[in-house]
Protein backbone atom coordinates (compact mmCIF):
# COMPACT_ATOMS: atom_id res chain seq x y z
CA MET A 1 60.37 48.98 -85.30
CA GLU A 2 59.75 52.34 -83.61
CA ILE A 3 57.04 54.80 -84.60
CA LYS A 4 55.75 58.15 -83.39
CA PHE A 5 52.03 58.89 -83.54
CA ILE A 6 49.62 61.69 -82.72
CA ASP A 7 46.26 61.06 -81.09
CA LEU A 8 43.59 63.54 -82.24
CA PHE A 9 40.09 63.54 -80.68
CA ALA A 10 41.74 61.10 -78.29
CA GLY A 11 38.91 60.40 -75.84
CA ILE A 12 40.26 58.07 -73.14
CA GLY A 13 43.06 56.73 -75.31
CA GLY A 14 41.84 53.81 -77.44
CA PHE A 15 44.40 54.57 -80.16
CA HIS A 16 47.12 55.10 -77.52
CA HIS A 17 46.42 51.72 -75.89
CA ALA A 18 46.52 50.04 -79.31
CA LEU A 19 49.68 51.61 -80.75
CA THR A 20 51.75 51.19 -77.58
CA THR A 21 50.94 47.49 -77.21
CA LEU A 22 51.68 46.19 -80.71
CA PRO A 23 53.89 43.07 -80.55
CA THR A 24 56.50 44.12 -83.14
CA ILE A 25 56.16 47.91 -83.06
CA LYS A 26 57.17 50.32 -80.31
CA GLY A 27 54.83 53.28 -80.44
CA GLU A 28 55.41 56.68 -78.85
CA CYS A 29 52.66 59.29 -78.61
CA VAL A 30 54.09 62.76 -79.35
CA LEU A 31 50.84 64.79 -79.33
CA THR A 32 47.41 64.29 -77.79
CA CYS A 33 44.36 66.43 -78.49
CA GLU A 34 41.13 66.13 -76.48
CA MET A 35 38.61 68.76 -75.44
CA ASP A 36 36.62 66.87 -72.78
CA LEU A 37 38.07 67.47 -69.31
CA ASN A 38 36.91 64.12 -67.86
CA CYS A 39 38.47 62.24 -70.78
CA ARG A 40 41.71 64.12 -70.26
CA LYS A 41 41.72 63.13 -66.57
CA VAL A 42 41.36 59.43 -67.43
CA TYR A 43 43.90 59.70 -70.26
CA GLU A 44 46.59 61.29 -68.11
CA ALA A 45 45.91 58.96 -65.17
CA ASN A 46 46.68 56.01 -67.44
CA PHE A 47 49.48 57.40 -69.63
CA GLY A 48 51.02 60.06 -67.42
CA LYS A 49 51.23 63.80 -67.94
CA GLN A 50 51.59 64.40 -71.66
CA ASN A 51 54.25 66.88 -72.79
CA ASN A 52 52.13 67.87 -75.76
CA PHE A 53 48.44 67.94 -74.80
CA SER A 54 46.08 70.32 -76.60
CA ASP A 55 42.47 70.82 -75.54
CA ASN A 56 41.39 71.97 -79.02
CA ILE A 57 42.66 70.95 -82.44
CA ARG A 58 42.16 74.52 -83.63
CA ASN A 59 44.82 75.70 -81.22
CA LEU A 60 47.15 73.75 -83.48
CA THR A 61 45.84 74.95 -86.85
CA GLN A 62 44.45 78.47 -86.29
CA ASN A 63 45.49 81.70 -84.63
CA GLU A 64 43.47 83.59 -82.02
CA LYS A 65 41.47 85.32 -84.76
CA GLY A 66 40.38 81.97 -86.23
CA GLU A 67 42.61 82.37 -89.26
CA SER A 68 44.37 79.30 -90.69
CA LEU A 69 48.03 78.96 -89.84
CA SER A 70 50.65 78.33 -92.50
CA LYS A 71 52.23 74.88 -92.84
CA GLU A 72 55.39 76.22 -91.23
CA GLU A 73 53.42 77.51 -88.23
CA ILE A 74 51.51 74.23 -87.85
CA ARG A 75 54.83 72.36 -87.81
CA LYS A 76 55.83 74.37 -84.75
CA ASN A 77 52.70 73.15 -82.94
CA VAL A 78 52.64 69.56 -84.19
CA PRO A 79 55.73 67.34 -83.79
CA GLY A 80 56.84 65.09 -86.62
CA HIS A 81 55.16 61.67 -86.59
CA ASN A 82 54.76 58.50 -88.62
CA VAL A 83 51.08 57.81 -87.88
CA LEU A 84 48.13 60.17 -87.50
CA CYS A 85 45.20 58.73 -85.57
CA ALA A 86 41.81 60.40 -85.25
CA GLY A 87 38.33 59.31 -84.25
CA PHE A 88 37.02 62.45 -85.90
CA PRO A 89 33.50 63.90 -85.72
CA CYS A 90 31.49 63.68 -88.93
CA GLN A 91 30.20 67.07 -90.03
CA PRO A 92 28.36 68.09 -93.21
CA PHE A 93 30.49 70.05 -95.63
CA SER A 94 29.40 73.42 -96.97
CA LYS A 95 28.56 73.72 -100.66
CA SER A 96 29.56 77.37 -100.65
CA GLY A 97 32.99 78.79 -101.38
CA LYS A 98 35.31 78.46 -104.34
CA GLN A 99 35.54 74.67 -104.09
CA LEU A 100 38.85 74.59 -105.90
CA GLY A 101 39.43 71.08 -104.62
CA ALA A 102 38.30 68.53 -102.05
CA LYS A 103 40.45 70.19 -99.37
CA ASP A 104 38.63 73.49 -99.93
CA LYS A 105 35.25 71.76 -99.55
CA THR A 106 36.14 70.71 -96.00
CA ARG A 107 36.75 74.28 -94.88
CA GLY A 108 34.98 75.23 -91.65
CA THR A 109 34.83 71.66 -90.35
CA LEU A 110 37.07 69.86 -87.87
CA PHE A 111 38.09 67.48 -90.63
CA HIS A 112 39.68 70.46 -92.37
CA ASP A 113 41.94 70.87 -89.33
CA ILE A 114 43.02 67.23 -89.65
CA ILE A 115 43.74 67.81 -93.33
CA SER A 116 45.80 70.90 -92.47
CA ILE A 117 47.95 68.84 -90.09
CA ILE A 118 48.37 66.06 -92.66
CA GLU A 119 49.41 68.61 -95.28
CA ALA A 120 51.93 70.22 -92.93
CA ARG A 121 53.48 67.05 -91.50
CA THR A 122 52.80 64.37 -94.18
CA PRO A 123 52.89 61.28 -91.90
CA GLU A 124 53.40 57.91 -93.58
CA TYR A 125 50.13 56.41 -92.34
CA LEU A 126 46.63 57.59 -91.44
CA ILE A 127 44.14 55.68 -89.28
CA LEU A 128 40.80 57.47 -89.10
CA GLU A 129 37.69 56.10 -87.38
CA ASN A 130 34.02 57.05 -87.61
CA VAL A 131 30.52 55.67 -87.14
CA LYS A 132 29.11 53.19 -89.64
CA ASN A 133 26.61 55.77 -90.91
CA LEU A 134 29.48 57.49 -92.71
CA MET A 135 29.16 54.67 -95.27
CA GLY A 136 25.40 55.22 -95.63
CA PRO A 137 23.61 56.91 -98.55
CA LYS A 138 22.99 60.12 -96.60
CA HIS A 139 26.74 60.68 -96.19
CA GLU A 140 27.84 59.51 -99.63
CA LYS A 141 29.04 62.97 -100.70
CA THR A 142 30.70 63.61 -97.33
CA LEU A 143 32.71 60.40 -97.60
CA GLU A 144 33.63 61.21 -101.17
CA VAL A 145 35.00 64.61 -100.13
CA ILE A 146 36.97 63.03 -97.25
CA LEU A 147 38.61 60.42 -99.47
CA ASP A 148 39.33 62.90 -102.27
CA ALA A 149 40.92 65.35 -99.83
CA ILE A 150 43.22 62.61 -98.49
CA SER A 151 44.12 61.44 -101.99
CA GLU A 152 44.90 64.98 -103.17
CA LEU A 153 47.51 65.23 -100.41
CA GLY A 154 49.43 62.28 -101.87
CA TYR A 155 47.93 59.23 -100.16
CA GLU A 156 46.70 55.85 -101.31
CA VAL A 157 43.22 55.29 -99.89
CA GLU A 158 40.56 52.71 -100.71
CA GLU A 159 37.34 53.93 -102.38
CA LYS A 160 35.38 51.78 -99.96
CA PRO A 161 36.77 52.05 -96.42
CA ILE A 162 36.83 49.07 -94.07
CA THR A 163 33.98 48.45 -91.66
CA LEU A 164 34.85 46.13 -88.80
CA SER A 165 33.45 45.10 -85.42
CA PRO A 166 35.34 43.44 -82.52
CA HIS A 167 32.98 40.44 -82.61
CA GLN A 168 34.07 39.79 -86.22
CA LEU A 169 37.65 39.18 -85.09
CA THR A 170 38.62 35.97 -83.35
CA LYS A 171 39.78 36.06 -79.74
CA GLU A 172 43.32 35.35 -80.97
CA LEU A 173 43.15 38.47 -83.15
CA ASP A 174 42.07 40.70 -80.23
CA GLY A 175 38.36 40.35 -80.92
CA ALA A 176 35.69 40.70 -78.23
CA PRO A 177 32.00 39.78 -77.90
CA GLN A 178 30.57 43.18 -78.75
CA VAL A 179 28.78 44.27 -81.93
CA ARG A 180 30.42 47.59 -82.70
CA GLU A 181 30.81 48.09 -86.43
CA ARG A 182 32.82 51.20 -87.25
CA VAL A 183 34.30 52.72 -90.40
CA PHE A 184 38.09 52.82 -90.62
CA ILE A 185 39.79 54.92 -93.27
CA LEU A 186 43.36 53.68 -93.74
CA ALA A 187 45.82 55.57 -95.91
CA ILE A 188 49.48 55.19 -96.97
CA LYS A 189 51.70 57.84 -98.55
CA LYS A 190 51.93 57.23 -102.27
CA SER A 191 55.69 57.78 -102.11
CA LEU A 192 55.98 54.53 -100.11
CA LYS A 193 54.64 52.73 -103.19
CA ASN A 194 52.79 50.15 -101.13
CA GLY A 195 49.15 50.93 -101.84
CA VAL A 196 48.56 47.26 -102.65
CA ARG A 197 48.71 46.63 -98.90
CA LEU A 198 45.37 48.40 -98.48
CA GLN A 199 43.76 45.99 -100.93
CA THR A 200 45.28 43.06 -99.06
CA ILE A 201 43.91 44.32 -95.73
CA SER A 202 40.45 44.78 -97.24
CA LYS A 203 40.46 41.22 -98.59
CA GLU A 204 41.62 39.80 -95.25
CA VAL A 205 38.94 41.74 -93.37
CA LYS A 206 36.26 40.49 -95.77
CA ALA A 207 37.41 36.90 -95.18
CA LEU A 208 37.27 37.45 -91.41
CA LYS A 209 33.77 38.89 -91.60
CA ASP A 210 32.57 35.99 -93.77
CA ALA A 211 34.01 33.50 -91.27
CA ALA A 212 32.44 35.39 -88.37
CA LYS A 213 28.96 34.83 -89.79
CA GLN A 214 29.43 31.14 -89.11
CA SER A 215 31.15 31.40 -85.73
CA GLN A 216 30.02 34.61 -83.97
CA ASP A 217 27.56 32.66 -81.79
CA LYS A 218 30.54 30.86 -80.21
CA TRP A 219 31.34 33.95 -78.14
CA ARG A 220 30.41 33.76 -74.45
CA ILE A 221 29.77 36.92 -72.46
CA SER A 222 30.44 35.03 -69.22
CA ASP A 223 34.15 34.88 -70.15
CA TYR A 224 34.28 38.68 -69.94
CA LEU A 225 32.33 39.12 -66.70
CA VAL A 226 33.76 39.40 -63.22
CA ALA A 227 32.52 37.61 -60.13
CA ASP A 228 30.38 39.68 -57.79
CA ASN A 229 32.98 39.67 -55.01
CA SER A 230 35.52 41.36 -57.29
CA ILE A 231 33.26 44.22 -58.42
CA LYS A 232 34.72 47.49 -57.20
CA GLY A 233 32.33 49.14 -54.75
CA GLY A 234 30.27 45.96 -54.48
CA PRO A 235 27.64 44.40 -56.77
CA GLN A 236 24.72 46.17 -55.10
CA ARG A 237 25.55 49.32 -57.09
CA TYR A 238 24.61 47.46 -60.26
CA ARG A 239 21.51 45.62 -59.04
CA LEU A 240 18.19 46.58 -60.59
CA ASN A 241 15.62 48.49 -58.57
CA GLU A 242 12.26 46.98 -57.55
CA GLN A 243 10.40 48.51 -60.46
CA GLU A 244 12.88 47.21 -63.03
CA LEU A 245 12.78 43.76 -61.45
CA ALA A 246 8.98 43.78 -61.61
CA TRP A 247 9.10 44.45 -65.36
CA LEU A 248 11.55 41.60 -65.92
CA GLU A 249 9.64 39.22 -63.65
CA ALA A 250 6.51 39.88 -65.72
CA TRP A 251 8.22 39.25 -69.04
CA ASP A 252 10.01 36.17 -67.71
CA GLU A 253 6.63 34.70 -66.85
CA PHE A 254 5.29 35.75 -70.25
CA VAL A 255 7.90 33.73 -72.17
CA LYS A 256 7.16 30.72 -69.97
CA ILE A 257 3.35 30.68 -70.23
CA ILE A 258 2.99 31.10 -73.99
CA PRO A 259 2.61 27.51 -75.27
CA ASP A 260 4.04 28.14 -78.76
CA ASP A 261 7.48 26.63 -79.33
CA ASN A 262 8.53 29.76 -81.20
CA LEU A 263 7.78 33.15 -79.72
CA PRO A 264 7.10 35.94 -82.22
CA GLY A 265 10.14 37.44 -83.88
CA PHE A 266 8.35 40.75 -84.32
CA PRO A 267 8.24 43.29 -81.43
CA ILE A 268 5.42 42.52 -78.99
CA TRP A 269 3.28 45.55 -78.19
CA CYS A 270 0.87 45.27 -75.27
CA GLU A 271 -1.01 48.37 -76.45
CA VAL A 272 -2.63 46.11 -79.06
CA PHE A 273 -3.78 43.49 -76.55
CA LYS A 274 -7.47 44.43 -76.72
CA LYS A 275 -10.61 42.78 -78.04
CA SER A 276 -11.10 45.30 -80.85
CA PRO A 277 -8.64 45.38 -83.78
CA PRO A 278 -6.18 48.29 -83.74
CA THR A 279 -6.83 51.44 -85.76
CA THR A 280 -4.45 51.52 -88.71
CA LYS A 281 -5.66 54.50 -90.71
CA ASP A 282 -2.91 56.76 -92.07
CA LEU A 283 -0.13 54.64 -90.54
CA PRO A 284 2.98 53.45 -92.40
CA LYS A 285 2.85 49.89 -93.77
CA TRP A 286 5.50 48.55 -91.38
CA LYS A 287 3.51 49.69 -88.36
CA ILE A 288 0.22 48.34 -89.72
CA ASN A 289 1.95 44.99 -90.21
CA PHE A 290 3.22 44.92 -86.59
CA LEU A 291 -0.16 45.97 -85.19
CA LYS A 292 -2.03 43.27 -87.10
CA LYS A 293 0.47 40.56 -86.12
CA ASN A 294 0.28 41.59 -82.47
CA HIS A 295 -3.51 41.52 -82.43
CA ALA A 296 -3.60 38.10 -84.09
CA PHE A 297 -1.12 36.83 -81.50
CA TYR A 298 -3.27 38.27 -78.71
CA LYS A 299 -6.45 36.66 -80.02
CA LYS A 300 -4.69 33.30 -80.19
CA HIS A 301 -3.69 33.50 -76.49
CA GLU A 302 -6.31 35.93 -75.20
CA SER A 303 -7.15 34.20 -71.91
CA LEU A 304 -3.50 33.59 -70.94
CA ILE A 305 -2.43 37.13 -71.84
CA ASN A 306 -5.34 38.77 -70.02
CA SER A 307 -4.56 36.86 -66.81
CA TRP A 308 -0.86 37.68 -67.16
CA MET A 309 -1.50 41.40 -67.66
CA GLU A 310 -3.85 41.58 -64.68
CA LYS A 311 -1.49 39.66 -62.39
CA HIS A 312 1.48 41.93 -63.09
CA GLY A 313 -0.36 45.22 -63.70
CA VAL A 314 1.24 45.41 -67.13
CA LYS A 315 -1.02 48.26 -68.27
CA SER A 316 0.54 50.44 -65.56
CA PHE A 317 4.06 49.89 -66.93
CA PRO A 318 5.65 52.78 -68.84
CA ALA A 319 4.84 52.52 -72.56
CA SER A 320 8.37 51.38 -73.46
CA ARG A 321 8.20 48.60 -70.86
CA GLN A 322 5.00 47.26 -72.40
CA LYS A 323 7.05 46.43 -75.48
CA PHE A 324 9.21 43.34 -75.76
CA GLU A 325 11.60 41.95 -78.37
CA TRP A 326 12.43 38.24 -78.23
CA GLN A 327 15.73 37.63 -80.03
CA ALA A 328 16.62 34.38 -78.30
CA LYS A 329 15.27 31.77 -80.69
CA LYS A 330 18.72 30.20 -81.10
CA SER A 331 19.06 29.51 -77.39
CA HIS A 332 15.39 28.79 -76.66
CA GLY A 333 13.94 27.14 -79.73
CA THR A 334 11.21 25.41 -77.72
CA ARG A 335 9.06 26.31 -74.75
CA LYS A 336 10.91 23.88 -72.45
CA GLY A 337 13.18 25.72 -70.03
CA ARG A 338 12.43 29.07 -71.65
CA THR A 339 13.48 32.05 -69.52
CA ILE A 340 15.09 35.47 -69.82
CA SER A 341 17.35 34.85 -66.80
CA ASP A 342 20.09 33.29 -68.95
CA LEU A 343 19.98 36.07 -71.53
CA VAL A 344 21.35 39.58 -72.08
CA ILE A 345 18.73 42.29 -71.62
CA GLN A 346 18.52 45.86 -72.85
CA MET A 347 15.94 48.36 -71.62
CA ARG A 348 15.64 50.52 -74.70
CA PRO A 349 13.31 53.42 -75.58
CA SER A 350 11.76 51.02 -78.11
CA GLY A 351 11.16 48.30 -75.52
CA ILE A 352 12.82 45.53 -73.52
CA ARG A 353 15.05 43.46 -75.81
CA VAL A 354 16.50 40.06 -74.87
CA LYS A 355 19.12 38.01 -76.74
CA PRO A 356 21.47 35.05 -76.13
CA ALA A 357 24.51 35.69 -73.94
CA THR A 358 26.92 35.22 -76.84
CA TYR A 359 27.89 38.78 -77.66
CA LEU A 360 26.63 42.16 -76.48
CA PRO A 361 25.01 44.98 -78.40
CA ALA A 362 27.29 47.98 -78.91
CA LEU A 363 28.22 49.97 -75.86
CA VAL A 364 26.50 53.29 -76.40
CA ALA A 365 27.06 56.67 -74.83
CA ILE A 366 23.55 56.77 -73.34
CA THR A 367 21.73 54.88 -70.60
CA GLN A 368 21.22 51.55 -72.37
CA THR A 369 23.79 49.54 -70.47
CA SER A 370 23.28 45.84 -71.01
CA ILE A 371 21.76 43.83 -68.14
CA ILE A 372 23.10 40.39 -67.32
CA GLY A 373 20.65 37.68 -66.33
CA PRO A 374 21.46 35.83 -63.08
CA LEU A 375 22.26 32.60 -64.94
CA VAL A 376 24.84 34.44 -67.07
CA SER A 377 26.84 35.85 -64.15
CA PRO A 378 29.89 33.81 -63.04
CA SER A 379 28.54 34.08 -59.48
CA LYS A 380 25.21 32.48 -60.48
CA VAL A 381 23.40 34.69 -57.99
CA LYS A 382 19.65 35.04 -58.18
CA GLU A 383 19.70 38.68 -59.19
CA TYR A 384 19.94 40.69 -62.38
CA ARG A 385 22.59 43.36 -62.65
CA SER A 386 23.90 45.78 -65.23
CA LEU A 387 27.30 45.57 -66.85
CA THR A 388 30.05 47.27 -64.82
CA PRO A 389 32.58 49.81 -66.17
CA GLN A 390 35.30 47.19 -65.54
CA GLU A 391 33.54 44.74 -67.87
CA ALA A 392 32.72 47.40 -70.45
CA ALA A 393 36.39 48.45 -70.52
CA LYS A 394 37.41 44.84 -71.11
CA LEU A 395 34.98 44.63 -74.05
CA GLN A 396 36.66 47.72 -75.51
CA GLY A 397 40.08 46.09 -75.14
CA MET A 398 41.14 48.45 -72.36
CA PRO A 399 42.54 47.61 -68.91
CA THR A 400 39.81 46.87 -66.36
CA GLU A 401 41.51 49.27 -63.95
CA ILE A 402 41.38 52.21 -66.39
CA PHE A 403 39.04 54.20 -64.12
CA SER A 404 40.72 53.17 -60.85
CA LYS A 405 43.97 55.10 -61.09
CA GLU A 406 44.59 58.19 -58.99
CA GLY A 407 43.32 61.33 -60.72
CA GLY A 408 41.32 59.38 -63.29
CA LYS A 409 38.32 58.23 -61.27
CA VAL A 410 34.99 59.26 -62.79
CA ALA A 411 31.34 58.49 -62.08
CA ASP A 412 29.94 55.33 -63.69
CA ALA A 413 27.68 57.34 -66.00
CA VAL A 414 30.70 59.28 -67.25
CA ALA A 415 32.73 56.09 -67.67
CA PHE A 416 30.01 54.46 -69.77
CA LYS A 417 29.73 57.57 -71.94
CA GLN A 418 33.49 57.59 -72.48
CA LEU A 419 33.58 53.90 -73.34
CA GLY A 420 30.59 54.30 -75.63
CA ASN A 421 32.46 56.97 -77.57
CA ALA A 422 35.79 55.14 -77.54
CA VAL A 423 37.55 53.37 -80.37
CA ASN A 424 37.92 49.62 -79.83
CA VAL A 425 41.53 48.80 -78.97
CA GLY A 426 41.53 45.29 -80.42
CA VAL A 427 40.22 46.40 -83.80
CA VAL A 428 42.75 49.24 -84.05
CA ARG A 429 45.60 46.96 -82.96
CA TYR A 430 44.66 44.43 -85.64
CA LEU A 431 44.41 47.04 -88.42
CA ALA A 432 47.57 48.87 -87.35
CA SER A 433 49.56 45.63 -87.32
CA LYS A 434 48.50 45.04 -90.93
CA LEU A 435 49.04 48.63 -92.07
CA ILE A 436 52.34 49.66 -90.51
CA THR A 437 55.59 47.97 -91.62
């Protein structure tokens, strides 16, 4: 089966990778739209110069004065296609205007431009992706408008869109060990009379997610890591600096010296490690609870903790590095052999978080790249290092050489931002294979 698709808000081509690698479907991209210049460089380096590449969706739907184009005019800009893909930005909709229908309520937003293209070209299938918060209570009305606008244009669409993460798929179904739950709005033209397929997909996804609750700890990050000698540019680029290593050395000793079999599940805050109880006046209940638990923990191990803090100069650490979250109870249920060197580490604004090396937290478009403990690395070297762009690309279902091709090389910080904003290829490939027939 052959299909043509358009790739709106394309980023570095997650949808393109997915729809051109389906086993029974041959996909051809006939229009790409992406504003970010660095993303366009990577996209074209991997897929070649695109005949139809727009740097702004509004060049397709509006004239130079910002006035909406007619359906006939949009058809001149947008080729015919079977599938419309878009990882669209979520914007609040204005309550002003005539509000004659859901389509009118989207006016002024980028989603309105998507709707204008759908109305002009009426593709058979829609695959739209957004952050999980779109399903939250704060965006309830926004989601309602989106779904109503799609339905009004003659599409079957589920009232409750699918949320799916790559770690909830099995490896055989293109899953990957990364928690990245996203909302996917799938739609089928009503004229195809196959809306029941959407219900079937939703049921299958629910079954997969239920099964994943029992098996998600079977993932192993080490299967997705590369040996140090194959890291482009050498592993030293990803080693931690002396200050970062000092923080981790301190916390590694902390988890070893505390005699309790179970370390606290609540965040550990060194600011509370004082003889006098913390001041809790006018604080929210959740914070009062954490402060009291931390002080009780400190009093229980006061001598050990005081010696530990003095030895490592913990009070001189930045505030966020004096906070620690132990999420490794499953791998270290007792004190024996307890360490952070066989765990995944994140240095977050809220503190240093450690967890088993089963699956990674979501790749994010900011500087929170996961750190691999030395016992997790395939090389088993005695050093911590951060995840590389090669490994992050693999977790997103993209080729590890995506940033290596001529014309598409970008700085690591840019690569991580692009991957953090990207759609997961495996998840899209799975959903597209179920949707398109």
